[in-house]
């Protein structure tokens, strides 16, 4: 079942919540991977940690979106 044309799949509130969740995830991932970068140069450590956390945050964004689609489909199936 596809949603009706009037149903908004993305609202400003859901987008804001998703961005906040991804931001928190980025900060946590950055802190975790920072200790695993094999360098003494702080610029290199920050750079690689940020790049790694950004990739992981992108995957987390996709996970959130897929979760929303599955929940929406399950709710529509119950109706």
Protein backbone atom coordinates (compact mmCIF):
# COMPACT_ATOMS: atom_id res chain seq x y z
CA UNK A 1 0.00 0.00 0.00
CA UNK A 2 1.35 3.38 -0.92
CA UNK A 3 0.55 6.46 1.15
CA UNK A 4 -2.12 8.80 -0.08
CA UNK A 5 -0.96 11.87 -2.01
CA UNK A 6 -1.92 14.16 0.88
CA UNK A 7 0.34 12.33 3.36
CA UNK A 8 3.68 14.00 3.89
CA UNK A 9 6.45 11.49 4.35
CA UNK A 10 8.95 14.06 5.59
CA UNK A 11 7.90 16.88 7.86
CA UNK A 12 10.09 19.67 9.21
CA UNK A 13 9.83 18.18 12.70
CA UNK A 14 10.87 14.68 11.57
CA UNK A 15 13.75 16.18 9.61
CA UNK A 16 14.91 18.15 12.66
CA UNK A 17 14.70 15.06 14.88
CA UNK A 18 16.69 13.04 12.34
CA UNK A 19 19.37 15.73 12.10
CA UNK A 20 19.66 15.89 15.88
CA UNK A 21 19.99 12.10 16.11
CA UNK A 22 22.64 12.05 13.39
CA UNK A 23 24.50 14.90 15.10
CA UNK A 24 24.59 13.05 18.42
CA UNK A 25 25.69 9.89 16.62
CA UNK A 26 28.46 11.83 14.84
CA UNK A 27 29.79 13.19 18.13
CA UNK A 28 29.76 9.74 19.74
CA UNK A 29 31.40 8.07 16.73
CA UNK A 30 34.02 10.83 16.52
CA UNK A 31 34.93 10.28 20.15
CA UNK A 32 35.15 6.53 19.73
CA UNK A 33 37.27 6.42 16.57
CA UNK A 34 39.58 9.24 17.65
CA UNK A 35 41.61 6.92 19.86
CA UNK A 36 42.05 4.43 17.00
CA UNK A 37 43.80 6.75 14.53
CA UNK A 38 47.49 5.74 14.44
CA UNK A 39 49.08 9.19 14.44
CA UNK A 40 50.58 11.68 16.86
CA UNK A 41 49.61 14.73 14.75
CA UNK A 42 46.37 16.16 16.14
CA UNK A 43 45.28 17.53 12.74
CA UNK A 44 45.56 14.08 11.18
CA UNK A 45 43.71 12.49 14.08
CA UNK A 46 40.87 15.02 13.90
CA UNK A 47 40.68 14.79 10.10
CA UNK A 48 40.48 11.01 9.88
CA UNK A 49 38.17 10.80 12.87
CA UNK A 50 35.79 13.32 11.31
CA UNK A 51 35.84 11.56 7.93
CA UNK A 52 35.19 8.18 9.52
CA UNK A 53 32.43 9.53 11.75
CA UNK A 54 30.86 11.29 8.74
CA UNK A 55 30.71 8.02 6.76
CA UNK A 56 29.23 6.19 9.72
CA UNK A 57 26.72 9.00 10.27
CA UNK A 58 25.61 8.72 6.65
CA UNK A 59 24.91 5.03 7.16
CA UNK A 60 23.07 5.86 10.39
CA UNK A 61 20.92 8.38 8.45
CA UNK A 62 19.98 5.60 6.02
CA UNK A 63 19.15 3.28 8.92
CA UNK A 64 16.80 5.88 10.41
CA UNK A 65 15.04 6.36 7.07
CA UNK A 66 14.65 2.62 6.48
CA UNK A 67 13.30 2.20 10.01
CA UNK A 68 10.69 4.89 9.37
CA UNK A 69 9.59 3.20 6.14
CA UNK A 70 9.23 -0.19 7.83
CA UNK A 71 7.28 1.25 10.77
CA UNK A 72 5.00 3.19 8.41
CA UNK A 73 4.36 0.05 6.33
CA UNK A 74 3.61 -2.04 9.42
CA UNK A 75 1.16 0.57 10.73
CA UNK A 76 -0.56 0.78 7.34
CA UNK A 77 -0.86 -3.01 7.24
CA UNK A 78 -2.60 -3.08 10.62
CA UNK A 79 -5.26 -0.61 9.44
